Amino acid sequence: MLEIVILSVIILLICLILLCVNFIFKKNGKFPNTHVGGNPALRKKGIKCAQTQDFEAGVQLNLFDRMQKEA
């Protein structure tokens, strides 16, 4: 039982190190921006993340409409 746990921890550590190779060994390495807003092609098409779309929809409503929506 202990051998399986140790083996599992070793495998997880190896996987973690392999996932971070680019981040660790580059001089100014950083994780890639996978957010929808960080993709230039999607921005060009006008596609935004759901949170941004919700915020913009809420800002465009006037006070009367927002009060009606909350009630």
N, C-alpha and C. Protein backbone atom coordinates (compact mmCIF):
# COMPACT_ATOMS: atom_id res chain seq x y z
N MET A 1 0.82 -1.19 0.00
CA MET A 1 0.00 0.00 0.00
C MET A 1 0.87 1.26 0.00
N LEU A 2 1.88 1.31 0.84
CA LEU A 2 2.77 2.45 0.90
C LEU A 2 3.54 2.62 -0.41
N GLU A 3 3.86 1.51 -1.05
CA GLU A 3 4.59 1.58 -2.33
C GLU A 3 3.74 2.26 -3.40
N ILE A 4 2.46 1.98 -3.40
CA ILE A 4 1.56 2.58 -4.39
C ILE A 4 1.44 4.09 -4.16
N VAL A 5 1.35 4.50 -2.92
CA VAL A 5 1.25 5.92 -2.60
C VAL A 5 2.53 6.64 -3.01
N ILE A 6 3.66 6.08 -2.71
CA ILE A 6 4.94 6.69 -3.07
C ILE A 6 5.08 6.78 -4.58
N LEU A 7 4.71 5.71 -5.27
CA LEU A 7 4.78 5.70 -6.73
C LEU A 7 3.85 6.74 -7.33
N SER A 8 2.66 6.88 -6.77
CA SER A 8 1.70 7.88 -7.25
C SER A 8 2.23 9.30 -7.06
N VAL A 9 2.83 9.56 -5.91
CA VAL A 9 3.39 10.89 -5.64
C VAL A 9 4.54 11.18 -6.60
N ILE A 10 5.36 10.22 -6.86
CA ILE A 10 6.48 10.40 -7.80
C ILE A 10 5.95 10.70 -9.20
N ILE A 11 4.95 9.96 -9.64
CA ILE A 11 4.37 10.19 -10.96
C ILE A 11 3.74 11.58 -11.05
N LEU A 12 3.05 11.99 -10.02
CA LEU A 12 2.44 13.33 -10.00
C LEU A 12 3.50 14.43 -10.05
N LEU A 13 4.59 14.25 -9.31
CA LEU A 13 5.68 15.23 -9.33
C LEU A 13 6.32 15.32 -10.71
N ILE A 14 6.52 14.18 -11.36
CA ILE A 14 7.10 14.18 -12.71
C ILE A 14 6.17 14.91 -13.68
N CYS A 15 4.88 14.64 -13.58
CA CYS A 15 3.91 15.32 -14.45
C CYS A 15 3.91 16.82 -14.21
N LEU A 16 3.95 17.23 -12.97
CA LEU A 16 3.96 18.64 -12.64
C LEU A 16 5.21 19.32 -13.19
N ILE A 17 6.33 18.69 -13.06
CA ILE A 17 7.59 19.26 -13.57
C ILE A 17 7.54 19.37 -15.09
N LEU A 18 7.01 18.35 -15.75
CA LEU A 18 6.93 18.40 -17.21
C LEU A 18 5.95 19.48 -17.69
N LEU A 19 4.89 19.72 -16.95
CA LEU A 19 3.95 20.78 -17.32
C LEU A 19 4.58 22.17 -17.15
N CYS A 20 5.52 22.29 -16.25
CA CYS A 20 6.12 23.59 -15.94
C CYS A 20 7.49 23.81 -16.59
N VAL A 21 7.90 22.93 -17.48
CA VAL A 21 9.24 23.05 -18.07
C VAL A 21 9.42 24.40 -18.75
N ASN A 22 8.46 24.81 -19.54
CA ASN A 22 8.57 26.08 -20.25
C ASN A 22 8.61 27.25 -19.27
N PHE A 23 7.84 27.18 -18.23
CA PHE A 23 7.78 28.24 -17.23
C PHE A 23 9.08 28.31 -16.42
N ILE A 24 9.63 27.18 -16.07
CA ILE A 24 10.80 27.13 -15.19
C ILE A 24 12.08 27.53 -15.93
N PHE A 25 12.28 27.04 -17.14
CA PHE A 25 13.56 27.17 -17.80
C PHE A 25 13.68 28.38 -18.73
N LYS A 26 12.62 29.08 -19.03
CA LYS A 26 12.73 30.30 -19.81
C LYS A 26 13.14 31.44 -18.89
N LYS A 27 13.84 32.42 -19.46
CA LYS A 27 14.31 33.53 -18.64
C LYS A 27 13.15 34.32 -18.06
N ASN A 28 12.20 34.73 -18.87
CA ASN A 28 11.01 35.44 -18.39
C ASN A 28 9.78 34.59 -18.65
N GLY A 29 9.87 33.34 -18.31
CA GLY A 29 8.78 32.42 -18.58
C GLY A 29 7.54 32.75 -17.78
N LYS A 30 6.39 32.59 -18.41
CA LYS A 30 5.12 32.77 -17.71
C LYS A 30 4.10 31.85 -18.36
N PHE A 31 3.04 31.57 -17.63
CA PHE A 31 2.02 30.70 -18.15
C PHE A 31 1.25 31.43 -19.25
N PRO A 32 0.80 30.70 -20.27
CA PRO A 32 0.06 31.36 -21.36
C PRO A 32 -1.28 31.88 -20.88
N ASN A 33 -1.72 32.95 -21.49
CA ASN A 33 -3.02 33.54 -21.17
C ASN A 33 -4.08 32.78 -21.97
N THR A 34 -4.87 31.97 -21.29
CA THR A 34 -5.89 31.18 -21.97
C THR A 34 -7.27 31.81 -21.85
N HIS A 35 -7.34 33.01 -21.31
CA HIS A 35 -8.61 33.71 -21.16
C HIS A 35 -9.10 34.16 -22.53
N VAL A 36 -10.40 34.19 -22.70
CA VAL A 36 -10.99 34.58 -23.98
C VAL A 36 -10.53 35.98 -24.39
N GLY A 37 -10.42 36.88 -23.42
CA GLY A 37 -10.00 38.25 -23.73
C GLY A 37 -8.55 38.36 -24.15
N GLY A 38 -7.75 37.33 -23.88
CA GLY A 38 -6.34 37.35 -24.24
C GLY A 38 -6.07 36.83 -25.64
N ASN A 39 -7.11 36.41 -26.35
CA ASN A 39 -6.94 35.85 -27.68
C ASN A 39 -7.25 36.93 -28.72
N PRO A 40 -6.23 37.35 -29.49
CA PRO A 40 -6.45 38.43 -30.46
C PRO A 40 -7.46 38.08 -31.55
N ALA A 41 -7.50 36.83 -31.98
CA ALA A 41 -8.44 36.44 -33.04
C ALA A 41 -9.88 36.56 -32.56
N LEU A 42 -10.15 36.18 -31.31
CA LEU A 42 -11.50 36.31 -30.78
C LEU A 42 -11.87 37.77 -30.56
N ARG A 43 -10.91 38.57 -30.09
CA ARG A 43 -11.17 40.00 -29.91
C ARG A 43 -11.52 40.66 -31.24
N LYS A 44 -10.82 40.23 -32.31
CA LYS A 44 -11.06 40.79 -33.63
C LYS A 44 -12.49 40.49 -34.09
N LYS A 45 -13.02 39.33 -33.72
CA LYS A 45 -14.39 38.94 -34.09
C LYS A 45 -15.43 39.53 -33.13
N GLY A 46 -14.98 40.16 -32.06
CA GLY A 46 -15.90 40.77 -31.11
C GLY A 46 -16.42 39.80 -30.06
N ILE A 47 -15.77 38.65 -29.91
CA ILE A 47 -16.19 37.65 -28.94
C ILE A 47 -15.54 37.97 -27.60
N LYS A 48 -16.35 38.00 -26.55
CA LYS A 48 -15.86 38.32 -25.21
C LYS A 48 -16.28 37.22 -24.25
N CYS A 49 -15.70 37.24 -23.07
CA CYS A 49 -16.06 36.24 -22.07
C CYS A 49 -17.45 36.56 -21.51
N ALA A 50 -18.06 35.58 -20.88
CA ALA A 50 -19.42 35.73 -20.37
C ALA A 50 -19.50 36.82 -19.30
N GLN A 51 -18.50 36.91 -18.45
CA GLN A 51 -18.52 37.94 -17.40
C GLN A 51 -18.49 39.34 -17.99
N THR A 52 -17.67 39.54 -19.00
CA THR A 52 -17.59 40.85 -19.64
C THR A 52 -18.91 41.19 -20.34
N GLN A 53 -19.50 40.21 -21.01
CA GLN A 53 -20.77 40.45 -21.68
C GLN A 53 -21.87 40.78 -20.68
N ASP A 54 -21.90 40.09 -19.56
CA ASP A 54 -22.89 40.39 -18.53
C ASP A 54 -22.70 41.79 -17.97
N PHE A 55 -21.45 42.17 -17.73
CA PHE A 55 -21.16 43.51 -17.22
C PHE A 55 -21.63 44.58 -18.20
N GLU A 56 -21.29 44.40 -19.47
CA GLU A 56 -21.66 45.38 -20.49
C GLU A 56 -23.18 45.46 -20.65
N ALA A 57 -23.86 44.33 -20.55
CA ALA A 57 -25.32 44.33 -20.65
C ALA A 57 -25.94 45.08 -19.47
N GLY A 58 -25.36 44.92 -18.29
CA GLY A 58 -25.86 45.61 -17.11
C GLY A 58 -25.61 47.10 -17.16
N VAL A 59 -24.50 47.50 -17.74
CA VAL A 59 -24.16 48.92 -17.83
C VAL A 59 -25.09 49.61 -18.83
N GLN A 60 -25.50 48.93 -19.88
CA GLN A 60 -26.31 49.54 -20.91
C GLN A 60 -27.76 49.76 -20.46
N LEU A 61 -28.23 49.06 -19.44
CA LEU A 61 -29.59 49.25 -18.96
C LEU A 61 -29.69 50.55 -18.18
N ASN A 62 -30.78 51.24 -18.36
CA ASN A 62 -30.97 52.45 -17.56
C ASN A 62 -31.47 52.05 -16.17
N LEU A 63 -31.58 53.01 -15.29
CA LEU A 63 -31.94 52.74 -13.90
C LEU A 63 -33.31 52.08 -13.79
N PHE A 64 -34.28 52.56 -14.55
CA PHE A 64 -35.62 52.00 -14.48
C PHE A 64 -35.62 50.52 -14.87
N ASP A 65 -34.91 50.18 -15.94
CA ASP A 65 -34.85 48.78 -16.39
C ASP A 65 -34.14 47.90 -15.37
N ARG A 66 -33.07 48.42 -14.76
CA ARG A 66 -32.38 47.64 -13.75
C ARG A 66 -33.25 47.39 -12.53
N MET A 67 -34.04 48.38 -12.12
CA MET A 67 -34.94 48.20 -10.99
C MET A 67 -36.03 47.19 -11.31
N GLN A 68 -36.52 47.21 -12.53
CA GLN A 68 -37.54 46.25 -12.95
C GLN A 68 -36.97 44.84 -12.96
N LYS A 69 -35.72 44.70 -13.38
CA LYS A 69 -35.07 43.39 -13.47
C LYS A 69 -34.85 42.79 -12.08
N GLU A 70 -34.51 43.62 -11.08
CA GLU A 70 -34.26 43.14 -9.73
C GLU A 70 -35.55 42.75 -9.01
N ALA A 71 -36.64 43.37 -9.36
CA ALA A 71 -37.91 43.11 -8.65
C ALA A 71 -38.60 41.86 -9.11
